[in-house]
C-alpha atoms as a PDB file:
ATOM      1  CA  MET A   1      31.423  17.137  92.690  1.00  0.00           C
ATOM      2  CA  ASN A   2      28.681  14.934  94.116  1.00  0.00           C
ATOM      3  CA  GLU A   3      25.584  16.182  95.868  1.00  0.00           C
ATOM      4  CA  THR A   4      22.890  13.963  97.281  1.00  0.00           C
ATOM      5  CA  LYS A   5      19.646  15.182  98.765  1.00  0.00           C
ATOM      6  CA  LYS A   6      16.329  13.446  99.282  1.00  0.00           C
ATOM      7  CA  ASN A   7      14.866  14.750  95.999  1.00  0.00           C
ATOM      8  CA  LEU A   8      17.991  15.410  93.968  1.00  0.00           C
ATOM      9  CA  ILE A   9      21.212  13.616  93.084  1.00  0.00           C
ATOM     10  CA  LYS A  10      23.909  15.527  91.162  1.00  0.00           C
ATOM     11  CA  TRP A  11      27.349  14.590  89.896  1.00  0.00           C
ATOM     12  CA  ASP A  12      29.756  15.389  87.077  1.00  0.00           C
ATOM     13  CA  VAL A  13      30.901  12.935  84.408  1.00  0.00           C
ATOM     14  CA  PRO A  14      33.222  13.224  81.412  1.00  0.00           C
ATOM     15  CA  GLU A  15      31.383  14.014  78.174  1.00  0.00           C
ATOM     16  CA  PHE A  16      33.016  11.008  76.521  1.00  0.00           C
ATOM     17  CA  ARG A  17      35.544   8.340  77.427  1.00  0.00           C
ATOM     18  CA  LYS A  18      38.992   8.723  75.910  1.00  0.00           C
ATOM     19  CA  PRO A  19      40.691   5.315  75.927  1.00  0.00           C
ATOM     20  CA  LYS A  20      44.406   5.049  76.566  1.00  0.00           C
ATOM     21  CA  ARG A  21      45.953   3.714  73.385  1.00  0.00           C
ATOM     22  CA  GLY A  22      49.537   2.634  72.989  1.00  0.00           C
ATOM     23  CA  ARG A  23      51.797   2.902  69.961  1.00  0.00           C
ATOM     24  CA  ASN A  24      50.935  -0.670  68.899  1.00  0.00           C
ATOM     25  CA  TRP A  25      47.219   0.155  68.726  1.00  0.00           C
ATOM     26  CA  TYR A  26      47.899   2.974  66.250  1.00  0.00           C
ATOM     27  CA  ILE A  27      50.196   0.761  64.145  1.00  0.00           C
ATOM     28  CA  ILE A  28      47.582  -2.005  63.948  1.00  0.00           C
ATOM     29  CA  ALA A  29      44.753   0.454  63.231  1.00  0.00           C
ATOM     30  CA  ALA A  30      46.735   2.216  60.484  1.00  0.00           C
ATOM     31  CA  SER A  31      47.704  -1.136  58.927  1.00  0.00           C
ATOM     32  CA  LEU A  32      44.093  -2.333  58.894  1.00  0.00           C
ATOM     33  CA  ALA A  33      42.890   0.964  57.430  1.00  0.00           C
ATOM     34  CA  PHE A  34      45.570   0.815  54.726  1.00  0.00           C
ATOM     35  CA  LEU A  35      44.647  -2.781  53.832  1.00  0.00           C
ATOM     36  CA  MET A  36      40.935  -1.972  53.652  1.00  0.00           C
ATOM     37  CA  ILE A  37      41.545   1.040  51.417  1.00  0.00           C
ATOM     38  CA  PHE A  38      44.023  -0.937  49.278  1.00  0.00           C
ATOM     39  CA  PHE A  39      41.518  -3.743  48.672  1.00  0.00           C
ATOM     40  CA  SER A  40      38.828  -1.196  47.861  1.00  0.00           C
ATOM     41  CA  PHE A  41      40.822  -0.349  44.725  1.00  0.00           C
ATOM     42  CA  PHE A  42      42.487  -3.687  44.002  1.00  0.00           C
ATOM     43  CA  SER A  43      41.009  -7.168  43.807  1.00  0.00           C
ATOM     44  CA  LEU A  44      42.610 -10.574  43.562  1.00  0.00           C
ATOM     45  CA  SER A  45      42.202 -12.564  40.373  1.00  0.00           C
ATOM     46  CA  LEU A  46      42.756 -16.271  40.978  1.00  0.00           C
ATOM     47  CA  LYS A  47      43.338 -17.368  37.351  1.00  0.00           C
ATOM     48  CA  PRO A  48      46.162 -16.399  37.014  1.00  0.00           C
ATOM     49  CA  LEU A  49      46.913 -15.096  40.519  1.00  0.00           C
ATOM     50  CA  LYS A  50      47.343 -11.332  40.182  1.00  0.00           C
ATOM     51  CA  LEU A  51      46.124  -7.995  41.491  1.00  0.00           C
ATOM     52  CA  VAL A  52      43.552  -6.246  39.325  1.00  0.00           C
ATOM     53  CA  PHE A  53      43.214  -2.482  39.655  1.00  0.00           C
ATOM     54  CA  LEU A  54      39.596  -1.249  39.541  1.00  0.00           C
ATOM     55  CA  GLY A  55      38.147  -4.719  39.007  1.00  0.00           C
ATOM     56  CA  ASN A  56      34.482  -5.622  39.286  1.00  0.00           C
ATOM     57  CA  GLN A  57      34.762  -6.325  43.048  1.00  0.00           C
ATOM     58  CA  ASN A  58      36.008  -2.839  43.967  1.00  0.00           C
ATOM     59  CA  ASN A  59      34.051  -0.644  46.346  1.00  0.00           C
ATOM     60  CA  PHE A  60      34.856   3.066  46.314  1.00  0.00           C
ATOM     61  CA  LEU A  61      32.163   3.865  48.839  1.00  0.00           C
ATOM     62  CA  PHE A  62      33.856   1.561  51.360  1.00  0.00           C
ATOM     63  CA  ALA A  63      37.160   3.417  50.834  1.00  0.00           C
ATOM     64  CA  LEU A  64      35.365   6.735  51.385  1.00  0.00           C
ATOM     65  CA  ILE A  65      33.794   5.426  54.604  1.00  0.00           C
ATOM     66  CA  ILE A  66      37.203   4.281  55.906  1.00  0.00           C
ATOM     67  CA  VAL A  67      38.715   7.702  55.138  1.00  0.00           C
ATOM     68  CA  LEU A  68      35.809   9.433  56.921  1.00  0.00           C
ATOM     69  CA  ILE A  69      36.275   7.175  59.969  1.00  0.00           C
ATOM     70  CA  ILE A  70      39.975   8.080  60.055  1.00  0.00           C
ATOM     71  CA  ILE A  71      39.147  11.802  59.889  1.00  0.00           C
ATOM     72  CA  ILE A  72      36.549  11.480  62.672  1.00  0.00           C
ATOM     73  CA  MET A  73      39.008   9.594  64.882  1.00  0.00           C
ATOM     74  CA  ILE A  74      41.704  12.242  64.347  1.00  0.00           C
ATOM     75  CA  ILE A  75      39.259  15.015  65.239  1.00  0.00           C
ATOM     76  CA  SER A  76      37.990  13.191  68.337  1.00  0.00           C
ATOM     77  CA  GLU A  77      41.572  12.500  69.482  1.00  0.00           C
ATOM     78  CA  SER A  78      42.291  16.224  69.494  1.00  0.00           C
ATOM     79  CA  ARG A  79      39.201  17.110  71.586  1.00  0.00           C
ATOM     80  CA  GLU A  80      39.591  17.639  75.306  1.00  0.00           C
ATOM     81  CA  GLU A  81      37.231  15.896  77.709  1.00  0.00           C
ATOM     82  CA  ARG A  82      34.632  18.251  79.135  1.00  0.00           C
ATOM     83  CA  MET A  83      32.785  17.537  82.329  1.00  0.00           C
ATOM     84  CA  ILE A  84      28.984  17.602  82.163  1.00  0.00           C
ATOM     85  CA  ARG A  85      26.479  17.699  85.000  1.00  0.00           C
ATOM     86  CA  VAL A  86      24.068  14.807  85.609  1.00  0.00           C
ATOM     87  CA  GLU A  87      21.004  15.441  87.748  1.00  0.00           C
ATOM     88  CA  LEU A  88      18.370  12.987  88.895  1.00  0.00           C
ATOM     89  CA  SER A  89      15.381  14.891  90.219  1.00  0.00           C
ATOM     90  CA  LEU A  90      11.690  14.348  90.889  1.00  0.00           C
ATOM     91  CA  GLU A  91      10.929  15.536  87.330  1.00  0.00           C
ATOM     92  CA  GLY A  92      13.454  13.478  85.387  1.00  0.00           C
ATOM     93  CA  LEU A  93      17.044  13.111  84.225  1.00  0.00           C
ATOM     94  CA  LYS A  94      19.118  16.101  83.199  1.00  0.00           C
ATOM     95  CA  LEU A  95      22.296  15.231  81.286  1.00  0.00           C
ATOM     96  CA  GLY A  96      24.237  18.347  80.356  1.00  0.00           C
ATOM     97  CA  ASN A  97      21.794  20.501  78.374  1.00  0.00           C
ATOM     98  CA  SER A  98      19.392  17.613  77.654  1.00  0.00           C
ATOM     99  CA  PHE A  99      16.414  16.820  79.846  1.00  0.00           C
ATOM    100  CA  TYR A 100      14.499  13.516  79.817  1.00  0.00           C
ATOM    101  CA  GLU A 101      11.255  13.119  81.709  1.00  0.00           C
ATOM    102  CA  TYR A 102      10.807   9.729  83.332  1.00  0.00           C
ATOM    103  CA  GLU A 103       7.809   9.131  81.038  1.00  0.00           C
ATOM    104  CA  VAL A 104      10.094   8.796  77.980  1.00  0.00           C
ATOM    105  CA  LEU A 105      12.359   6.290  79.749  1.00  0.00           C
ATOM    106  CA  LYS A 106      11.471   2.593  79.723  1.00  0.00           C
ATOM    107  CA  ASN A 107      13.677   1.383  82.572  1.00  0.00           C
ATOM    108  CA  PHE A 108      17.027   1.713  84.281  1.00  0.00           C
ATOM    109  CA  CYS A 109      19.759  -0.576  85.486  1.00  0.00           C
ATOM    110  CA  VAL A 110      22.642  -0.074  87.906  1.00  0.00           C
ATOM    111  CA  ILE A 111      25.603  -2.369  87.388  1.00  0.00           C
ATOM    112  CA  TYR A 112      28.125  -2.382  90.187  1.00  0.00           C
ATOM    113  CA  LYS A 113      31.056  -4.801  90.034  1.00  0.00           C
ATOM    114  CA  PRO A 114      33.914  -3.422  92.133  1.00  0.00           C
ATOM    115  CA  LYS A 115      36.360  -6.215  91.198  1.00  0.00           C
ATOM    116  CA  GLU A 116      35.971  -5.320  87.511  1.00  0.00           C
ATOM    117  CA  SER A 117      35.888  -1.530  88.135  1.00  0.00           C
ATOM    118  CA  ILE A 118      32.354  -1.285  86.732  1.00  0.00           C
ATOM    119  CA  LYS A 119      29.930   1.208  88.239  1.00  0.00           C
ATOM    120  CA  GLN A 120      27.449   2.283  85.546  1.00  0.00           C
ATOM    121  CA  LEU A 121      23.894   3.523  85.298  1.00  0.00           C
ATOM    122  CA  TYR A 122      21.924   2.588  82.161  1.00  0.00           C
ATOM    123  CA  PHE A 123      18.670   4.020  80.866  1.00  0.00           C
ATOM    124  CA  GLU A 124      16.591   2.458  78.083  1.00  0.00           C
ATOM    125  CA  PHE A 125      14.135   4.636  76.165  1.00  0.00           C
ATOM    126  CA  LYS A 126      10.565   3.653  75.306  1.00  0.00           C
ATOM    127  CA  ASN A 127      11.332   4.792  71.754  1.00  0.00           C
ATOM    128  CA  PRO A 128      13.399   1.940  70.242  1.00  0.00           C
ATOM    129  CA  ALA A 129      15.041   4.367  67.806  1.00  0.00           C
ATOM    130  CA  LYS A 130      16.862   6.072  70.682  1.00  0.00           C
ATOM    131  CA  PHE A 131      20.137   4.644  71.954  1.00  0.00           C
ATOM    132  CA  ARG A 132      20.670   3.493  75.509  1.00  0.00           C
ATOM    133  CA  LEU A 133      22.206   6.030  77.889  1.00  0.00           C
ATOM    134  CA  SER A 134      25.254   4.850  79.806  1.00  0.00           C
ATOM    135  CA  ILE A 135      26.372   7.078  82.661  1.00  0.00           C
ATOM    136  CA  PRO A 136      29.316   6.372  84.993  1.00  0.00           C
ATOM    137  CA  LEU A 137      28.398   6.639  88.666  1.00  0.00           C
ATOM    138  CA  ARG A 138      31.963   7.511  89.655  1.00  0.00           C
ATOM    139  CA  SER A 139      32.074   7.963  93.449  1.00  0.00           C
ATOM    140  CA  LEU A 140      28.303   7.865  94.032  1.00  0.00           C
ATOM    141  CA  ASN A 141      26.693   5.191  96.155  1.00  0.00           C
ATOM    142  CA  ALA A 142      25.104   2.819  93.597  1.00  0.00           C
ATOM    143  CA  LEU A 143      22.457   1.611  96.055  1.00  0.00           C
ATOM    144  CA  GLU A 144      21.384   5.174  96.822  1.00  0.00           C
ATOM    145  CA  VAL A 145      20.951   5.932  93.104  1.00  0.00           C
ATOM    146  CA  ARG A 146      19.018   2.680  92.598  1.00  0.00           C
ATOM    147  CA  ASN A 147      16.695   3.417  95.531  1.00  0.00           C
ATOM    148  CA  PHE A 148      16.063   6.937  94.214  1.00  0.00           C
ATOM    149  CA  LEU A 149      15.199   5.747  90.692  1.00  0.00           C
ATOM    150  CA  THR A 150      12.908   2.886  91.755  1.00  0.00           C
ATOM    151  CA  ARG A 151      10.379   5.519  92.832  1.00  0.00           C
ATOM    152  CA  PHE A 152       9.967   6.621  89.185  1.00  0.00           C
ATOM    153  CA  LEU A 153      11.111   3.839  86.839  1.00  0.00           C
ATOM    154  CA  GLU A 154      11.047   0.091  86.465  1.00  0.00           C
ATOM    155  CA  GLU A 155      14.388  -1.561  87.141  1.00  0.00           C
ATOM    156  CA  ASP A 156      15.858  -3.968  84.569  1.00  0.00           C
ATOM    157  CA  LEU A 157      16.879  -6.855  86.816  1.00  0.00           C
ATOM    158  CA  GLU A 158      17.870  -9.118  83.914  1.00  0.00           C
ATOM    159  CA  ARG A 159      20.911  -7.075  82.936  1.00  0.00           C
ATOM    160  CA  VAL A 160      23.826  -8.216  85.043  1.00  0.00           C
ATOM    161  CA  SER A 161      26.739  -7.044  82.913  1.00  0.00           C
ATOM    162  CA  PRO A 162      27.459  -4.154  80.550  1.00  0.00           C
ATOM    163  CA  PRO A 163      26.089  -4.508  76.995  1.00  0.00           C
ATOM    164  CA  LEU A 164      28.265  -6.394  74.513  1.00  0.00           C
ATOM    165  CA  SER A 165      28.708  -3.253  72.398  1.00  0.00           C
ATOM    166  CA  GLU A 166      30.180  -1.419  75.392  1.00  0.00           C
ATOM    167  CA  GLN A 167      32.466  -4.334  76.266  1.00  0.00           C
ATOM    168  CA  LEU A 168      33.764  -4.514  72.663  1.00  0.00           C
ATOM    169  CA  THR A 169      34.338  -0.769  72.601  1.00  0.00           C
ATOM    170  CA  LYS A 170      36.393  -1.054  75.762  1.00  0.00           C
ATOM    171  CA  VAL A 171      38.430  -4.052  74.535  1.00  0.00           C
ATOM    172  CA  LEU A 172      39.111  -2.503  71.095  1.00  0.00           C
ATOM    173  CA  LYS A 173      39.835   0.897  72.696  1.00  0.00           C
ATOM    174  CA  LEU A 174      37.436   2.754  70.434  1.00  0.00           C
END
């Protein structure tokens, strides 16, 4: 549902993006996870060439991290996408239950590339410890959102494409 008024823009977005993964993706991911865990317990000795169990190059913490990543991915796969409300108002940005005043935001950027199916709104925080917010614009008019936000925030005109981290996430289907 989209609502646009002079002092308020509202729309709903999915809480997170669930990529469509095929059978091959799961086979490759499971194979890589198995290899990483295997080489956390075994190392290669070159003279003579053999596998050494629990050698000096083994890293149990790495194996634990891989197992935790697998558990997190299984849990996130089972979660259903919830829709959350986004509101741009005169006071600030409301994203679900979180509210951000414009004073805590450094700038914004609207990237609209219809040929690549990209229509995103990005917010950078003044606090460098906070991550960038990436919000899909869905069926909203990107120019209308941009014009609304320029009244309150500086626009990042240097960003012309999505961040590399977001592009890699999309390509790797993470």
